Amino acid sequence: MSGFNLPHRRWHRVMLGAAMALLGVSMAAGAAEPTVPYVPTPQVVVERMLEIAKVGPQDYLIDLGSGDGRIVVTAAKQRGARGFGVDLNPVRIEESIENAARAGVSDRVTFQQRNLFETNLSDATVITMYLLPRVNLELRPKLLELKPGTRVVSHDFSMDDWKPDASVDMDVKEKYGSEPGSSSIYFWVVPARVAGSWQWQLTVGGKPLAYELLLAQKYQMISGTVRMGGRSVKLGEARLRGDQISFSFSVVANGSPLRHEFSGRVMDSGIVGTVNLAGSRTQGQLEWNAARRVKAGQSAGATFVARAR
């Protein structure tokens, strides 16, 4: 955790575990914006964060409030990733550059003194951060705009009602300098926007069948119904992880029950994937292409209901 700008915000005391409190920021004489004190992430927590996010050579990691650069440097040295760290404190930036040089990863990482809210995150495949609860909520809308599948890892602080895809609690021998404590790690995968109506056709038993799917969404949680042959049924096992979607249901098709198991990838042009069919008369796998049904005056992106408050 380190310094960043957040114009016109006042910070209250935030407890870090049971052992330490981060004090609300005081304003220096003539200063226009507050900063947050530097609290490093223990190295054992850094390594666990990178493990949970499955960071690898194909990744570009951006660390927000990068401090001494340890997350970015570790990602590059141990996992072969490229990385970028942003921090408001020029002393921390110089320290990060020196640490990268000592680790031999200067060719794969960069650090800049910058306001994290003004940083372009669109190229990141992984975002890491150790900030404060209010800052996480301020960042949440920006994170949800990232490309589906982007991984986000936060040390100690969650995202309120955007529940994590995974979380880990761990004891740390040296959480606050030489003092022990506990750390929580929260992990999310940015979800695709799938809420709304989708339509497609399948040829089953030589006959074309029309389907309409209505999806509701809150972050990565989805539910819905599908209409086919004049009947509506609820989805089962509906899952969304990044741009990967799957669900199942059973309907009567051509006079007999038929189970459908869909899996696909959400793309700009629609959903592309496969469906496994299982019934007394029909067995097999078909390609599946669904198109979003957009109402007049509505953009496809407007169907995502999980906007930050």
C-alpha atoms as a PDB file:
ATOM      1  CA  MET A   1       0.000   0.000   0.000  1.00  0.00           C
ATOM      2  CA  SER A   2       1.419   3.340  -0.918  1.00  0.00           C
ATOM      3  CA  GLY A   3       0.618   6.871  -1.957  1.00  0.00           C
ATOM      4  CA  PHE A   4      -1.860   7.967  -4.616  1.00  0.00           C
ATOM      5  CA  ASN A   5      -3.985  10.983  -5.354  1.00  0.00           C
ATOM      6  CA  LEU A   6      -7.699  11.067  -4.718  1.00  0.00           C
ATOM      7  CA  PRO A   7      -9.072  14.596  -5.080  1.00  0.00           C
ATOM      8  CA  HIS A   8     -11.659  15.873  -2.622  1.00  0.00           C
ATOM      9  CA  ARG A   9     -11.894  12.698  -0.493  1.00  0.00           C
ATOM     10  CA  ARG A  10     -11.579  12.507   3.284  1.00  0.00           C
ATOM     11  CA  TRP A  11     -10.268   9.335   4.845  1.00  0.00           C
ATOM     12  CA  HIS A  12     -11.267   7.850   8.209  1.00  0.00           C
ATOM     13  CA  ARG A  13      -9.346   5.340  10.239  1.00  0.00           C
ATOM     14  CA  VAL A  14      -9.273   1.892   8.668  1.00  0.00           C
ATOM     15  CA  MET A  15      -8.264  -1.144  10.700  1.00  0.00           C
ATOM     16  CA  LEU A  16      -5.725  -3.521   9.172  1.00  0.00           C
ATOM     17  CA  GLY A  17      -6.354  -6.759  11.032  1.00  0.00           C
ATOM     18  CA  ALA A  18      -6.322  -6.549  14.808  1.00  0.00           C
ATOM     19  CA  ALA A  19      -2.790  -5.285  15.132  1.00  0.00           C
ATOM     20  CA  MET A  20      -2.583  -2.021  13.260  1.00  0.00           C
ATOM     21  CA  ALA A  21      -4.673   0.972  12.241  1.00  0.00           C
ATOM     22  CA  LEU A  22      -4.041   3.098   9.204  1.00  0.00           C
ATOM     23  CA  LEU A  23      -4.604   6.664  10.270  1.00  0.00           C
ATOM     24  CA  GLY A  24      -6.827   9.018   8.302  1.00  0.00           C
ATOM     25  CA  VAL A  25      -4.649  11.232   6.141  1.00  0.00           C
ATOM     26  CA  SER A  26      -3.747  14.704   7.256  1.00  0.00           C
ATOM     27  CA  MET A  27      -3.307  17.528   4.803  1.00  0.00           C
ATOM     28  CA  ALA A  28       0.020  19.274   4.591  1.00  0.00           C
ATOM     29  CA  ALA A  29       0.054  23.058   4.502  1.00  0.00           C
ATOM     30  CA  GLY A  30      -0.998  24.204   1.052  1.00  0.00           C
ATOM     31  CA  ALA A  31      -1.644  20.650  -0.139  1.00  0.00           C
ATOM     32  CA  ALA A  32      -4.685  20.100  -2.341  1.00  0.00           C
ATOM     33  CA  GLU A  33      -4.926  16.304  -2.215  1.00  0.00           C
ATOM     34  CA  PRO A  34      -4.446  13.618   0.461  1.00  0.00           C
ATOM     35  CA  THR A  35      -2.038  10.669   0.308  1.00  0.00           C
ATOM     36  CA  VAL A  36      -2.062   7.279   1.992  1.00  0.00           C
ATOM     37  CA  PRO A  37       0.895   6.018   4.074  1.00  0.00           C
ATOM     38  CA  TYR A  38       3.124   3.285   2.692  1.00  0.00           C
ATOM     39  CA  VAL A  39       2.526  -0.188   4.126  1.00  0.00           C
ATOM     40  CA  PRO A  40       4.362  -2.956   2.227  1.00  0.00           C
ATOM     41  CA  THR A  41       2.754  -6.264   1.355  1.00  0.00           C
ATOM     42  CA  PRO A  42       4.710  -9.100   3.018  1.00  0.00           C
ATOM     43  CA  GLN A  43       6.679 -11.121   0.467  1.00  0.00           C
ATOM     44  CA  VAL A  44       4.887 -14.343   1.356  1.00  0.00           C
ATOM     45  CA  VAL A  45       1.569 -12.617   0.591  1.00  0.00           C
ATOM     46  CA  VAL A  46       2.951 -11.260  -2.695  1.00  0.00           C
ATOM     47  CA  GLU A  47       3.849 -14.750  -3.818  1.00  0.00           C
ATOM     48  CA  ARG A  48       0.470 -16.139  -2.812  1.00  0.00           C
ATOM     49  CA  MET A  49      -1.343 -13.345  -4.683  1.00  0.00           C
ATOM     50  CA  LEU A  50       0.568 -14.180  -7.850  1.00  0.00           C
ATOM     51  CA  GLU A  51      -0.114 -17.885  -7.354  1.00  0.00           C
ATOM     52  CA  ILE A  52      -3.859 -17.348  -6.933  1.00  0.00           C
ATOM     53  CA  ALA A  53      -3.966 -15.208 -10.085  1.00  0.00           C
ATOM     54  CA  LYS A  54      -1.899 -17.822 -11.973  1.00  0.00           C
ATOM     55  CA  VAL A  55       0.438 -15.148 -13.275  1.00  0.00           C
ATOM     56  CA  GLY A  56       2.710 -16.381 -16.065  1.00  0.00           C
ATOM     57  CA  PRO A  57       4.979 -15.264 -18.919  1.00  0.00           C
ATOM     58  CA  GLN A  58       1.984 -14.307 -21.050  1.00  0.00           C
ATOM     59  CA  ASP A  59       0.753 -11.737 -18.512  1.00  0.00           C
ATOM     60  CA  TYR A  60       1.065  -7.969 -18.205  1.00  0.00           C
ATOM     61  CA  LEU A  61       0.558  -7.034 -14.568  1.00  0.00           C
ATOM     62  CA  ILE A  62      -0.243  -3.541 -13.302  1.00  0.00           C
ATOM     63  CA  ASP A  63       0.217  -2.850  -9.593  1.00  0.00           C
ATOM     64  CA  LEU A  64      -1.721   0.103  -8.217  1.00  0.00           C
ATOM     65  CA  GLY A  65       0.098   1.832  -5.358  1.00  0.00           C
ATOM     66  CA  SER A  66       3.203  -0.216  -6.126  1.00  0.00           C
ATOM     67  CA  GLY A  67       5.370   0.959  -3.221  1.00  0.00           C
ATOM     68  CA  ASP A  68       8.859  -0.540  -3.464  1.00  0.00           C
ATOM     69  CA  GLY A  69       7.821  -2.510  -6.567  1.00  0.00           C
ATOM     70  CA  ARG A  70       7.954  -5.926  -4.952  1.00  0.00           C
ATOM     71  CA  ILE A  71       4.815  -7.308  -6.614  1.00  0.00           C
ATOM     72  CA  VAL A  72       5.881  -6.240 -10.093  1.00  0.00           C
ATOM     73  CA  VAL A  73       9.481  -7.369  -9.582  1.00  0.00           C
ATOM     74  CA  THR A  74       8.435 -10.734  -8.154  1.00  0.00           C
ATOM     75  CA  ALA A  75       5.996 -11.324 -11.031  1.00  0.00           C
ATOM     76  CA  ALA A  76       8.792 -10.680 -13.515  1.00  0.00           C
ATOM     77  CA  LYS A  77      11.556 -12.602 -11.754  1.00  0.00           C
ATOM     78  CA  GLN A  78       9.649 -15.649 -10.543  1.00  0.00           C
ATOM     79  CA  ARG A  79       6.917 -15.934 -13.161  1.00  0.00           C
ATOM     80  CA  GLY A  80       8.319 -14.285 -16.287  1.00  0.00           C
ATOM     81  CA  ALA A  81       5.564 -11.671 -16.546  1.00  0.00           C
ATOM     82  CA  ARG A  82       5.879  -8.109 -17.745  1.00  0.00           C
ATOM     83  CA  GLY A  83       4.769  -5.449 -15.322  1.00  0.00           C
ATOM     84  CA  PHE A  84       4.066  -1.817 -14.570  1.00  0.00           C
ATOM     85  CA  GLY A  85       3.866  -0.118 -11.201  1.00  0.00           C
ATOM     86  CA  VAL A  86       2.282   3.241 -10.429  1.00  0.00           C
ATOM     87  CA  ASP A  87       2.812   5.188  -7.227  1.00  0.00           C
ATOM     88  CA  LEU A  88       2.558   8.799  -6.165  1.00  0.00           C
ATOM     89  CA  ASN A  89       5.713   8.799  -4.024  1.00  0.00           C
ATOM     90  CA  PRO A  90       8.898   9.572  -6.042  1.00  0.00           C
ATOM     91  CA  VAL A  91      11.057   7.924  -3.368  1.00  0.00           C
ATOM     92  CA  ARG A  92       9.163   4.654  -3.838  1.00  0.00           C
ATOM     93  CA  ILE A  93       9.536   4.917  -7.611  1.00  0.00           C
ATOM     94  CA  GLU A  94      13.319   5.304  -7.352  1.00  0.00           C
ATOM     95  CA  GLU A  95      13.423   2.398  -4.915  1.00  0.00           C
ATOM     96  CA  SER A  96      11.367   0.264  -7.309  1.00  0.00           C
ATOM     97  CA  ILE A  97      13.683   0.996 -10.211  1.00  0.00           C
ATOM     98  CA  GLU A  98      16.693   0.030  -8.090  1.00  0.00           C
ATOM     99  CA  ASN A  99      15.000  -3.160  -6.908  1.00  0.00           C
ATOM    100  CA  ALA A 100      14.179  -4.136 -10.489  1.00  0.00           C
ATOM    101  CA  ALA A 101      17.808  -3.590 -11.507  1.00  0.00           C
ATOM    102  CA  ARG A 102      19.105  -5.724  -8.634  1.00  0.00           C
ATOM    103  CA  ALA A 103      16.654  -8.475  -9.591  1.00  0.00           C
ATOM    104  CA  GLY A 104      17.735  -8.309 -13.246  1.00  0.00           C
ATOM    105  CA  VAL A 105      14.239  -7.582 -14.583  1.00  0.00           C
ATOM    106  CA  SER A 106      14.584  -3.945 -15.686  1.00  0.00           C
ATOM    107  CA  ASP A 107      13.877  -4.978 -19.272  1.00  0.00           C
ATOM    108  CA  ARG A 108      10.444  -6.342 -18.310  1.00  0.00           C
ATOM    109  CA  VAL A 109       9.131  -3.820 -15.800  1.00  0.00           C
ATOM    110  CA  THR A 110       8.581  -0.072 -15.566  1.00  0.00           C
ATOM    111  CA  PHE A 111       7.502   2.287 -12.791  1.00  0.00           C
ATOM    112  CA  GLN A 112       5.977   5.739 -12.990  1.00  0.00           C
ATOM    113  CA  GLN A 113       4.970   8.406 -10.520  1.00  0.00           C
ATOM    114  CA  ARG A 114       1.306   8.873 -11.323  1.00  0.00           C
ATOM    115  CA  ASN A 115      -2.213   9.117  -9.934  1.00  0.00           C
ATOM    116  CA  LEU A 116      -3.595   5.587 -10.163  1.00  0.00           C
ATOM    117  CA  PHE A 117      -7.036   6.908 -11.128  1.00  0.00           C
ATOM    118  CA  GLU A 118      -5.475   8.502 -14.207  1.00  0.00           C
ATOM    119  CA  THR A 119      -3.639   5.329 -15.224  1.00  0.00           C
ATOM    120  CA  ASN A 120      -4.710   3.427 -18.335  1.00  0.00           C
ATOM    121  CA  LEU A 121      -5.412  -0.150 -17.247  1.00  0.00           C
ATOM    122  CA  SER A 122      -6.738  -1.483 -20.548  1.00  0.00           C
ATOM    123  CA  ASP A 123      -3.606  -3.480 -21.465  1.00  0.00           C
ATOM    124  CA  ALA A 124      -3.437  -5.346 -18.160  1.00  0.00           C
ATOM    125  CA  THR A 125      -4.228  -9.032 -17.878  1.00  0.00           C
ATOM    126  CA  VAL A 126      -3.717  -8.855 -14.092  1.00  0.00           C
ATOM    127  CA  ILE A 127      -4.346  -5.978 -11.666  1.00  0.00           C
ATOM    128  CA  THR A 128      -2.894  -6.132  -8.143  1.00  0.00           C
ATOM    129  CA  MET A 129      -3.489  -3.686  -5.306  1.00  0.00           C
ATOM    130  CA  TYR A 130      -3.179  -3.058  -1.592  1.00  0.00           C
ATOM    131  CA  LEU A 131      -5.251   0.053  -1.099  1.00  0.00           C
ATOM    132  CA  LEU A 132      -8.143   0.933   1.217  1.00  0.00           C
ATOM    133  CA  PRO A 133     -11.844  -0.087   1.166  1.00  0.00           C
ATOM    134  CA  ARG A 134     -13.108   3.258  -0.117  1.00  0.00           C
ATOM    135  CA  VAL A 135     -10.457   3.320  -2.833  1.00  0.00           C
ATOM    136  CA  ASN A 136     -11.423  -0.164  -3.973  1.00  0.00           C
ATOM    137  CA  LEU A 137     -15.007   1.027  -4.378  1.00  0.00           C
ATOM    138  CA  GLU A 138     -13.865   4.128  -6.268  1.00  0.00           C
ATOM    139  CA  LEU A 139     -11.869   1.882  -8.598  1.00  0.00           C
ATOM    140  CA  ARG A 140     -14.572  -0.736  -9.051  1.00  0.00           C
ATOM    141  CA  PRO A 141     -16.387   0.879 -12.014  1.00  0.00           C
ATOM    142  CA  LYS A 142     -13.062   1.283 -13.841  1.00  0.00           C
ATOM    143  CA  LEU A 143     -12.127  -2.339 -13.179  1.00  0.00           C
ATOM    144  CA  LEU A 144     -15.487  -3.583 -14.453  1.00  0.00           C
ATOM    145  CA  GLU A 145     -14.849  -1.771 -17.743  1.00  0.00           C
ATOM    146  CA  LEU A 146     -11.727  -3.870 -18.393  1.00  0.00           C
ATOM    147  CA  LYS A 147     -11.811  -6.660 -20.933  1.00  0.00           C
ATOM    148  CA  PRO A 148     -13.561  -9.792 -19.677  1.00  0.00           C
ATOM    149  CA  GLY A 149     -11.134 -12.277 -18.176  1.00  0.00           C
ATOM    150  CA  THR A 150      -8.860  -9.655 -16.625  1.00  0.00           C
ATOM    151  CA  ARG A 151      -7.803 -10.905 -13.169  1.00  0.00           C
ATOM    152  CA  VAL A 152      -7.898  -8.630 -10.126  1.00  0.00           C
ATOM    153  CA  VAL A 153      -6.166  -9.414  -6.820  1.00  0.00           C
ATOM    154  CA  SER A 154      -6.490  -7.305  -3.675  1.00  0.00           C
ATOM    155  CA  HIS A 155      -4.599  -7.639  -0.415  1.00  0.00           C
ATOM    156  CA  ASP A 156      -6.800  -7.295   2.683  1.00  0.00           C
ATOM    157  CA  PHE A 157      -9.738  -5.372   1.194  1.00  0.00           C
ATOM    158  CA  SER A 158     -12.736  -6.586  -0.787  1.00  0.00           C
ATOM    159  CA  MET A 159     -15.114  -4.890  -3.264  1.00  0.00           C
ATOM    160  CA  ASP A 160     -18.254  -4.753  -1.120  1.00  0.00           C
ATOM    161  CA  ASP A 161     -21.100  -6.508  -2.990  1.00  0.00           C
ATOM    162  CA  TRP A 162     -18.871  -7.579  -5.898  1.00  0.00           C
ATOM    163  CA  LYS A 163     -18.108 -10.894  -4.225  1.00  0.00           C
ATOM    164  CA  PRO A 164     -14.742 -12.490  -5.008  1.00  0.00           C
ATOM    165  CA  ASP A 165     -14.414 -15.562  -7.190  1.00  0.00           C
ATOM    166  CA  ALA A 166     -11.966 -16.846  -4.575  1.00  0.00           C
ATOM    167  CA  SER A 167     -10.547 -15.676  -1.265  1.00  0.00           C
ATOM    168  CA  VAL A 168      -7.791 -16.877   1.064  1.00  0.00           C
ATOM    169  CA  ASP A 169      -6.936 -16.030   4.669  1.00  0.00           C
ATOM    170  CA  MET A 170      -3.396 -16.611   5.843  1.00  0.00           C
ATOM    171  CA  ASP A 171      -1.275 -16.022   8.925  1.00  0.00           C
ATOM    172  CA  VAL A 172       1.803 -13.888   8.325  1.00  0.00           C
ATOM    173  CA  LYS A 173       4.796 -13.969  10.666  1.00  0.00           C
ATOM    174  CA  GLU A 174       5.935 -10.452   9.747  1.00  0.00           C
ATOM    175  CA  LYS A 175       2.808  -8.569   8.726  1.00  0.00           C
ATOM    176  CA  TYR A 176       3.735  -5.222  10.264  1.00  0.00           C
ATOM    177  CA  GLY A 177       7.500  -5.118  10.180  1.00  0.00           C
ATOM    178  CA  SER A 178       8.511  -7.773  12.717  1.00  0.00           C
ATOM    179  CA  GLU A 179       4.995  -8.104  14.152  1.00  0.00           C
ATOM    180  CA  PRO A 180       2.786 -11.047  13.144  1.00  0.00           C
ATOM    181  CA  GLY A 181      -0.705 -10.675  11.739  1.00  0.00           C
ATOM    182  CA  SER A 182      -3.151 -12.108   9.232  1.00  0.00           C
ATOM    183  CA  SER A 183      -3.799 -11.285   5.594  1.00  0.00           C
ATOM    184  CA  SER A 184      -6.777 -11.796   3.335  1.00  0.00           C
ATOM    185  CA  ILE A 185      -6.415 -12.141  -0.433  1.00  0.00           C
ATOM    186  CA  TYR A 186      -9.390 -11.492  -2.711  1.00  0.00           C
ATOM    187  CA  PHE A 187      -9.522 -12.601  -6.342  1.00  0.00           C
ATOM    188  CA  TRP A 188     -11.932 -11.629  -9.124  1.00  0.00           C
ATOM    189  CA  VAL A 189     -12.230 -12.285 -12.834  1.00  0.00           C
ATOM    190  CA  VAL A 190     -13.802  -9.361 -14.696  1.00  0.00           C
ATOM    191  CA  PRO A 191     -17.071 -10.710 -16.159  1.00  0.00           C
ATOM    192  CA  ALA A 192     -18.454 -10.185 -19.641  1.00  0.00           C
ATOM    193  CA  ARG A 193     -21.719  -8.277 -19.912  1.00  0.00           C
ATOM    194  CA  VAL A 194     -24.378 -10.813 -20.756  1.00  0.00           C
ATOM    195  CA  ALA A 195     -27.598  -9.484 -19.225  1.00  0.00           C
ATOM    196  CA  GLY A 196     -30.473  -9.213 -21.681  1.00  0.00           C
ATOM    197  CA  SER A 197     -32.064 -11.294 -24.400  1.00  0.00           C
ATOM    198  CA  TRP A 198     -30.225 -13.744 -26.688  1.00  0.00           C
ATOM    199  CA  GLN A 199     -31.582 -15.703 -29.651  1.00  0.00           C
ATOM    200  CA  TRP A 200     -30.414 -18.651 -31.741  1.00  0.00           C
ATOM    201  CA  GLN A 201     -31.628 -21.648 -33.724  1.00  0.00           C
ATOM    202  CA  LEU A 202     -30.702 -25.324 -33.596  1.00  0.00           C
ATOM    203  CA  THR A 203     -31.605 -28.083 -36.022  1.00  0.00           C
ATOM    204  CA  VAL A 204     -32.750 -31.039 -33.921  1.00  0.00           C
ATOM    205  CA  GLY A 205     -34.009 -34.206 -35.573  1.00  0.00           C
ATOM    206  CA  GLY A 206     -33.980 -32.429 -38.906  1.00  0.00           C
ATOM    207  CA  LYS A 207     -36.244 -29.636 -37.647  1.00  0.00           C
ATOM    208  CA  PRO A 208     -35.162 -26.033 -36.908  1.00  0.00           C
ATOM    209  CA  LEU A 209     -35.961 -24.927 -33.359  1.00  0.00           C
ATOM    210  CA  ALA A 210     -35.868 -21.302 -32.194  1.00  0.00           C
ATOM    211  CA  TYR A 211     -34.613 -20.401 -28.723  1.00  0.00           C
ATOM    212  CA  GLU A 212     -34.726 -17.168 -26.729  1.00  0.00           C
ATOM    213  CA  LEU A 213     -32.644 -16.772 -23.577  1.00  0.00           C
ATOM    214  CA  LEU A 214     -33.263 -14.016 -21.029  1.00  0.00           C
ATOM    215  CA  LEU A 215     -30.324 -13.467 -18.667  1.00  0.00           C
ATOM    216  CA  ALA A 216     -30.136 -11.446 -15.456  1.00  0.00           C
ATOM    217  CA  GLN A 217     -26.702 -10.522 -14.147  1.00  0.00           C
ATOM    218  CA  LYS A 218     -25.066  -9.172 -11.021  1.00  0.00           C
ATOM    219  CA  TYR A 219     -21.343  -9.069 -11.618  1.00  0.00           C
ATOM    220  CA  GLN A 220     -20.333 -12.703 -12.346  1.00  0.00           C
ATOM    221  CA  MET A 221     -23.587 -14.159 -10.982  1.00  0.00           C
ATOM    222  CA  ILE A 222     -26.136 -14.992 -13.674  1.00  0.00           C
ATOM    223  CA  SER A 223     -29.586 -16.548 -13.817  1.00  0.00           C
ATOM    224  CA  GLY A 224     -32.362 -16.686 -16.348  1.00  0.00           C
ATOM    225  CA  THR A 225     -34.940 -18.525 -18.402  1.00  0.00           C
ATOM    226  CA  VAL A 226     -35.048 -19.932 -21.905  1.00  0.00           C
ATOM    227  CA  ARG A 227     -38.117 -20.036 -24.127  1.00  0.00           C
ATOM    228  CA  MET A 228     -38.532 -22.703 -26.789  1.00  0.00           C
ATOM    229  CA  GLY A 229     -41.634 -24.111 -28.444  1.00  0.00           C
ATOM    230  CA  GLY A 230     -43.951 -21.872 -26.461  1.00  0.00           C
ATOM    231  CA  ARG A 231     -42.569 -22.979 -23.091  1.00  0.00           C
ATOM    232  CA  SER A 232     -40.206 -21.271 -20.642  1.00  0.00           C
ATOM    233  CA  VAL A 233     -37.849 -23.084 -18.277  1.00  0.00           C
ATOM    234  CA  LYS A 234     -35.312 -21.878 -15.748  1.00  0.00           C
ATOM    235  CA  LEU A 235     -31.620 -22.298 -16.368  1.00  0.00           C
ATOM    236  CA  GLY A 236     -29.618 -24.688 -14.263  1.00  0.00           C
ATOM    237  CA  GLU A 237     -25.900 -24.582 -13.468  1.00  0.00           C
ATOM    238  CA  ALA A 238     -25.549 -21.098 -14.947  1.00  0.00           C
ATOM    239  CA  ARG A 239     -21.947 -19.873 -14.672  1.00  0.00           C
ATOM    240  CA  LEU A 240     -19.970 -16.923 -15.972  1.00  0.00           C
ATOM    241  CA  ARG A 241     -16.219 -16.605 -15.595  1.00  0.00           C
ATOM    242  CA  GLY A 242     -14.683 -13.823 -17.614  1.00  0.00           C
ATOM    243  CA  ASP A 243     -15.915 -14.365 -21.154  1.00  0.00           C
ATOM    244  CA  GLN A 244     -16.731 -18.052 -20.595  1.00  0.00           C
ATOM    245  CA  ILE A 245     -20.401 -18.900 -20.063  1.00  0.00           C
ATOM    246  CA  SER A 246     -22.214 -22.185 -19.448  1.00  0.00           C
ATOM    247  CA  PHE A 247     -25.726 -23.259 -18.493  1.00  0.00           C
ATOM    248  CA  SER A 248     -28.146 -26.144 -18.924  1.00  0.00           C
ATOM    249  CA  PHE A 249     -31.870 -26.860 -19.123  1.00  0.00           C
ATOM    250  CA  SER A 250     -34.322 -29.516 -20.300  1.00  0.00           C
ATOM    251  CA  VAL A 251     -37.274 -28.936 -22.615  1.00  0.00           C
ATOM    252  CA  VAL A 252     -39.593 -31.048 -24.732  1.00  0.00           C
ATOM    253  CA  ALA A 253     -38.306 -31.033 -28.323  1.00  0.00           C
ATOM    254  CA  ASN A 254     -40.030 -32.916 -31.127  1.00  0.00           C
ATOM    255  CA  GLY A 255     -42.254 -34.670 -28.602  1.00  0.00           C
ATOM    256  CA  SER A 256     -39.673 -35.916 -26.094  1.00  0.00           C
ATOM    257  CA  PRO A 257     -37.568 -34.460 -23.245  1.00  0.00           C
ATOM    258  CA  LEU A 258     -34.199 -33.174 -24.342  1.00  0.00           C
ATOM    259  CA  ARG A 259     -31.412 -31.976 -22.063  1.00  0.00           C
ATOM    260  CA  HIS A 260     -29.230 -29.119 -23.316  1.00  0.00           C
ATOM    261  CA  GLU A 261     -25.783 -28.308 -21.925  1.00  0.00           C
ATOM    262  CA  PHE A 262     -24.357 -25.107 -23.392  1.00  0.00           C
ATOM    263  CA  SER A 263     -20.842 -23.709 -23.141  1.00  0.00           C
ATOM    264  CA  GLY A 264     -19.420 -20.798 -25.071  1.00  0.00           C
ATOM    265  CA  ARG A 265     -17.381 -17.650 -25.265  1.00  0.00           C
ATOM    266  CA  VAL A 266     -18.940 -14.191 -25.142  1.00  0.00           C
ATOM    267  CA  MET A 267     -17.649 -12.038 -27.996  1.00  0.00           C
ATOM    268  CA  ASP A 268     -18.518  -8.657 -29.456  1.00  0.00           C
ATOM    269  CA  SER A 269     -20.506 -10.388 -32.171  1.00  0.00           C
ATOM    270  CA  GLY A 270     -22.379 -12.734 -29.847  1.00  0.00           C
ATOM    271  CA  ILE A 271     -21.778 -16.032 -28.066  1.00  0.00           C
ATOM    272  CA  VAL A 272     -19.986 -18.836 -29.887  1.00  0.00           C
ATOM    273  CA  GLY A 273     -19.700 -22.345 -28.525  1.00  0.00           C
ATOM    274  CA  THR A 274     -21.177 -25.837 -28.432  1.00  0.00           C
ATOM    275  CA  VAL A 275     -24.235 -27.557 -26.982  1.00  0.00           C
ATOM    276  CA  ASN A 276     -24.447 -31.183 -25.908  1.00  0.00           C
ATOM    277  CA  LEU A 277     -27.883 -32.739 -26.452  1.00  0.00           C
ATOM    278  CA  ALA A 278     -29.069 -35.787 -24.552  1.00  0.00           C
ATOM    279  CA  GLY A 279     -32.511 -37.369 -25.015  1.00  0.00           C
ATOM    280  CA  SER A 280     -34.201 -40.639 -25.945  1.00  0.00           C
ATOM    281  CA  ARG A 281     -34.287 -39.660 -29.620  1.00  0.00           C
ATOM    282  CA  THR A 282     -31.381 -37.257 -29.910  1.00  0.00           C
ATOM    283  CA  GLN A 283     -27.767 -37.471 -28.795  1.00  0.00           C
ATOM    284  CA  GLY A 284     -24.802 -35.410 -29.889  1.00  0.00           C
ATOM    285  CA  GLN A 285     -23.017 -32.094 -29.985  1.00  0.00           C
ATOM    286  CA  LEU A 286     -23.843 -29.079 -32.146  1.00  0.00           C
ATOM    287  CA  GLU A 287     -22.255 -25.711 -32.743  1.00  0.00           C
ATOM    288  CA  TRP A 288     -24.039 -22.845 -31.063  1.00  0.00           C
ATOM    289  CA  ASN A 289     -24.100 -19.191 -32.110  1.00  0.00           C
ATOM    290  CA  ALA A 290     -26.282 -16.758 -30.175  1.00  0.00           C
ATOM    291  CA  ALA A 291     -27.001 -13.138 -31.076  1.00  0.00           C
ATOM    292  CA  ARG A 292     -27.992 -10.481 -28.597  1.00  0.00           C
ATOM    293  CA  ARG A 293     -31.427  -9.002 -29.093  1.00  0.00           C
ATOM    294  CA  VAL A 294     -30.989  -5.272 -28.559  1.00  0.00           C
ATOM    295  CA  LYS A 295     -34.003  -3.071 -28.051  1.00  0.00           C
ATOM    296  CA  ALA A 296     -34.331   0.146 -30.001  1.00  0.00           C
ATOM    297  CA  GLY A 297     -32.304   2.938 -28.399  1.00  0.00           C
ATOM    298  CA  GLN A 298     -30.320   0.535 -26.207  1.00  0.00           C
ATOM    299  CA  SER A 299     -26.667  -0.400 -26.600  1.00  0.00           C
ATOM    300  CA  ALA A 300     -25.467  -3.922 -25.831  1.00  0.00           C
ATOM    301  CA  GLY A 301     -23.308  -2.660 -22.982  1.00  0.00           C
ATOM    302  CA  ALA A 302     -26.272  -1.065 -21.256  1.00  0.00           C
ATOM    303  CA  THR A 303     -27.614  -4.465 -20.216  1.00  0.00           C
ATOM    304  CA  PHE A 304     -24.977  -5.007 -17.523  1.00  0.00           C
ATOM    305  CA  VAL A 305     -26.900  -4.366 -14.308  1.00  0.00           C
ATOM    306  CA  ALA A 306     -24.036  -4.561 -11.842  1.00  0.00           C
ATOM    307  CA  ARG A 307     -22.894  -0.970 -11.893  1.00  0.00           C
ATOM    308  CA  ALA A 308     -21.004   0.409  -8.923  1.00  0.00           C
ATOM    309  CA  ARG A 309     -23.012   2.550  -6.578  1.00  0.00           C
END
